[in-house]
C-alpha atoms as a PDB file:
ATOM      1  CA  GLN A   1      25.000 -15.748-102.888  1.00  0.00           C
ATOM      2  CA  VAL A   2      23.611 -13.211-100.771  1.00  0.00           C
ATOM      3  CA  GLN A   3      19.610 -13.181-101.151  1.00  0.00           C
ATOM      4  CA  LEU A   4      16.881 -11.290 -99.422  1.00  0.00           C
ATOM      5  CA  VAL A   5      13.309 -12.225-100.419  1.00  0.00           C
ATOM      6  CA  GLU A   6      10.191 -10.035 -99.245  1.00  0.00           C
ATOM      7  CA  SER A   7       6.875 -11.934 -99.240  1.00  0.00           C
ATOM      8  CA  GLY A   8       3.536 -11.128 -97.707  1.00  0.00           C
ATOM      9  CA  GLY A   9       2.487  -7.997 -99.815  1.00  0.00           C
ATOM     10  CA  GLY A  10      -0.978  -7.428-101.355  1.00  0.00           C
ATOM     11  CA  LEU A  11      -4.370  -5.594-101.587  1.00  0.00           C
ATOM     12  CA  VAL A  12      -5.970  -4.824 -98.234  1.00  0.00           C
ATOM     13  CA  GLN A  13      -8.631  -2.332 -97.103  1.00  0.00           C
ATOM     14  CA  PRO A  14      -8.097   0.428 -95.027  1.00  0.00           C
ATOM     15  CA  GLY A  15      -8.004  -0.329 -91.556  1.00  0.00           C
ATOM     16  CA  GLY A  16      -6.793  -3.790 -92.275  1.00  0.00           C
ATOM     17  CA  SER A  17      -3.628  -5.606 -91.755  1.00  0.00           C
ATOM     18  CA  LEU A  18      -0.741  -7.393 -93.436  1.00  0.00           C
ATOM     19  CA  ARG A  19       2.427  -9.092 -92.107  1.00  0.00           C
ATOM     20  CA  LEU A  20       5.406  -8.819 -94.514  1.00  0.00           C
ATOM     21  CA  SER A  21       8.523 -11.465 -93.972  1.00  0.00           C
ATOM     22  CA  CYS A  22      11.937 -11.192 -95.681  1.00  0.00           C
ATOM     23  CA  ALA A  23      13.841 -14.318 -95.311  1.00  0.00           C
ATOM     24  CA  ALA A  24      17.707 -14.014 -95.833  1.00  0.00           C
ATOM     25  CA  SER A  25      20.576 -16.063 -96.990  1.00  0.00           C
ATOM     26  CA  GLY A  26      24.269 -16.010 -97.960  1.00  0.00           C
ATOM     27  CA  PHE A  27      25.469 -14.084 -95.066  1.00  0.00           C
ATOM     28  CA  THR A  28      25.497 -13.705 -91.288  1.00  0.00           C
ATOM     29  CA  PHE A  29      22.174 -12.537 -90.604  1.00  0.00           C
ATOM     30  CA  ARG A  30      22.554 -12.178 -86.750  1.00  0.00           C
ATOM     31  CA  SER A  31      25.453  -9.392 -87.410  1.00  0.00           C
ATOM     32  CA  TYR A  32      23.343  -7.437 -89.519  1.00  0.00           C
ATOM     33  CA  THR A  33      20.941  -4.390 -88.631  1.00  0.00           C
ATOM     34  CA  MET A  34      17.724  -5.083 -90.750  1.00  0.00           C
ATOM     35  CA  ASN A  35      15.406  -2.465 -92.164  1.00  0.00           C
ATOM     36  CA  TRP A  36      12.157  -1.951 -93.810  1.00  0.00           C
ATOM     37  CA  TYR A  37      11.907   0.858 -96.494  1.00  0.00           C
ATOM     38  CA  ARG A  38       9.281   1.648 -98.805  1.00  0.00           C
ATOM     39  CA  GLN A  39       8.892   3.607-102.065  1.00  0.00           C
ATOM     40  CA  ALA A  40       5.406   4.752-103.334  1.00  0.00           C
ATOM     41  CA  PRO A  41       4.942   5.848-106.914  1.00  0.00           C
ATOM     42  CA  GLY A  42       6.605   9.235-107.531  1.00  0.00           C
ATOM     43  CA  LYS A  43       8.500   9.432-104.422  1.00  0.00           C
ATOM     44  CA  GLU A  44      11.632   8.947-102.900  1.00  0.00           C
ATOM     45  CA  ARG A  45      12.555   5.372-101.138  1.00  0.00           C
ATOM     46  CA  GLU A  46      11.934   6.014 -97.428  1.00  0.00           C
ATOM     47  CA  PHE A  47      12.924   4.544 -94.169  1.00  0.00           C
ATOM     48  CA  VAL A  48      10.003   2.516 -92.124  1.00  0.00           C
ATOM     49  CA  ALA A  49      11.839   0.643 -89.158  1.00  0.00           C
ATOM     50  CA  GLY A  50      14.746  -1.011 -88.183  1.00  0.00           C
ATOM     51  CA  ILE A  51      15.990  -3.672 -85.657  1.00  0.00           C
ATOM     52  CA  ARG A  52      19.708  -3.813 -84.305  1.00  0.00           C
ATOM     53  CA  SER A  53      21.689  -6.801 -84.578  1.00  0.00           C
ATOM     54  CA  THR A  54      21.858  -7.193 -80.812  1.00  0.00           C
ATOM     55  CA  ALA A  55      19.678  -6.625 -78.221  1.00  0.00           C
ATOM     56  CA  GLY A  56      16.836  -6.207 -80.882  1.00  0.00           C
ATOM     57  CA  SER A  57      16.184  -2.537 -80.328  1.00  0.00           C
ATOM     58  CA  THR A  58      13.929  -0.851 -82.785  1.00  0.00           C
ATOM     59  CA  ASN A  59      12.887   2.302 -84.491  1.00  0.00           C
ATOM     60  CA  TYR A  60      10.310   3.657 -86.798  1.00  0.00           C
ATOM     61  CA  ALA A  61       9.551   6.375 -88.930  1.00  0.00           C
ATOM     62  CA  ASP A  62       7.045   8.599 -87.109  1.00  0.00           C
ATOM     63  CA  SER A  63       4.333   7.995 -89.783  1.00  0.00           C
ATOM     64  CA  VAL A  64       4.198   4.406 -88.723  1.00  0.00           C
ATOM     65  CA  LYS A  65       4.757   4.454 -84.873  1.00  0.00           C
ATOM     66  CA  GLY A  66       2.029   2.778 -83.250  1.00  0.00           C
ATOM     67  CA  ARG A  67       1.151   0.808 -86.165  1.00  0.00           C
ATOM     68  CA  PHE A  68       3.877  -1.003 -87.564  1.00  0.00           C
ATOM     69  CA  THR A  69       6.218  -3.500 -85.632  1.00  0.00           C
ATOM     70  CA  ILE A  70       9.110  -5.093 -86.688  1.00  0.00           C
ATOM     71  CA  SER A  71      10.671  -8.085 -85.227  1.00  0.00           C
ATOM     72  CA  ARG A  72      13.355 -10.618 -86.195  1.00  0.00           C
ATOM     73  CA  ASP A  73      14.037 -14.442 -85.900  1.00  0.00           C
ATOM     74  CA  ASN A  74      17.758 -15.006 -86.053  1.00  0.00           C
ATOM     75  CA  ALA A  75      17.428 -18.907 -85.923  1.00  0.00           C
ATOM     76  CA  LYS A  76      14.966 -18.338 -89.169  1.00  0.00           C
ATOM     77  CA  LYS A  77      17.154 -15.672 -90.672  1.00  0.00           C
ATOM     78  CA  THR A  78      13.841 -13.713 -91.125  1.00  0.00           C
ATOM     79  CA  VAL A  79      12.571 -10.351 -90.133  1.00  0.00           C
ATOM     80  CA  TYR A  80       9.088  -9.399 -90.094  1.00  0.00           C
ATOM     81  CA  LEU A  81       7.010  -6.223 -90.357  1.00  0.00           C
ATOM     82  CA  GLN A  82       3.672  -6.542 -88.931  1.00  0.00           C
ATOM     83  CA  MET A  83       1.450  -3.696 -90.433  1.00  0.00           C
ATOM     84  CA  LYS A  84      -2.026  -2.845 -88.601  1.00  0.00           C
ATOM     85  CA  SER A  85      -4.415   0.051 -89.148  1.00  0.00           C
ATOM     86  CA  LEU A  86      -3.350   0.404 -92.692  1.00  0.00           C
ATOM     87  CA  LYS A  87      -3.792   3.868 -94.532  1.00  0.00           C
ATOM     88  CA  PRO A  88      -4.036   4.490 -98.188  1.00  0.00           C
ATOM     89  CA  GLU A  89      -0.981   6.159 -97.688  1.00  0.00           C
ATOM     90  CA  ASP A  90       0.903   3.208 -96.591  1.00  0.00           C
ATOM     91  CA  THR A  91       0.510   1.742-100.164  1.00  0.00           C
ATOM     92  CA  ALA A  92       4.223   1.352-101.706  1.00  0.00           C
ATOM     93  CA  VAL A  93       6.632  -1.126-102.588  1.00  0.00           C
ATOM     94  CA  TYR A  94       8.272  -2.532 -99.388  1.00  0.00           C
ATOM     95  CA  TYR A  95      11.881  -3.555 -99.423  1.00  0.00           C
ATOM     96  CA  CYS A  96      14.054  -5.368 -96.871  1.00  0.00           C
ATOM     97  CA  LYS A  97      17.652  -4.044 -96.233  1.00  0.00           C
ATOM     98  CA  ALA A  98      20.597  -5.790 -94.216  1.00  0.00           C
ATOM     99  CA  ARG A  99      23.230  -3.558 -92.755  1.00  0.00           C
ATOM    100  CA  TRP A 100      26.515  -3.923 -90.922  1.00  0.00           C
ATOM    101  CA  GLY A 101      28.015  -0.512 -90.558  1.00  0.00           C
ATOM    102  CA  LEU A 102      31.246  -2.076 -88.936  1.00  0.00           C
ATOM    103  CA  ILE A 103      32.073  -3.340 -92.549  1.00  0.00           C
ATOM    104  CA  ASN A 104      30.414  -0.763 -94.341  1.00  0.00           C
ATOM    105  CA  ARG A 105      28.080  -3.687 -96.297  1.00  0.00           C
ATOM    106  CA  GLU A 106      24.658  -3.804 -97.080  1.00  0.00           C
ATOM    107  CA  TYR A 107      22.249  -5.921 -99.193  1.00  0.00           C
ATOM    108  CA  TRP A 108      18.701  -5.098-100.415  1.00  0.00           C
ATOM    109  CA  GLY A 109      15.648  -7.363-101.440  1.00  0.00           C
ATOM    110  CA  GLN A 110      13.662  -7.001-104.385  1.00  0.00           C
ATOM    111  CA  GLY A 111      10.591  -5.710-102.820  1.00  0.00           C
ATOM    112  CA  THR A 112       6.953  -6.712-102.276  1.00  0.00           C
ATOM    113  CA  GLN A 113       3.807  -4.415-103.152  1.00  0.00           C
ATOM    114  CA  VAL A 114       1.450  -3.515-100.744  1.00  0.00           C
ATOM    115  CA  THR A 115      -1.709  -1.660-101.704  1.00  0.00           C
ATOM    116  CA  VAL A 116      -4.431  -0.214 -99.402  1.00  0.00           C
ATOM    117  CA  SER A 117      -7.626   0.576-101.151  1.00  0.00           C
ATOM    118  CA  SER A 118     -11.184   0.034-100.723  1.00  0.00           C
END
């Protein structure tokens, strides 16, 4: 059974930090590109960050560059999103997605809420 379980969300003040985790099971984690997306109320889901399965190359949305860092631990089958200098506009439900383009397969987690507010 495929599972992606996000954790680490919560309420944080502007300027604060959070680290999100996404634990995977039920598929060959190391073969998948892992991504973080987010969806704010009334808005479409948007890409935040991604990390490739091999070489670990990363890419980020312009809105989070320099503040967020994505990483993965293939041994633990977990992907992380370290978020710093958080802003109110970062408030959203954050989702992780696993994608293997070669076989056109992807999986989504259930999301974790991040709220940035004073």
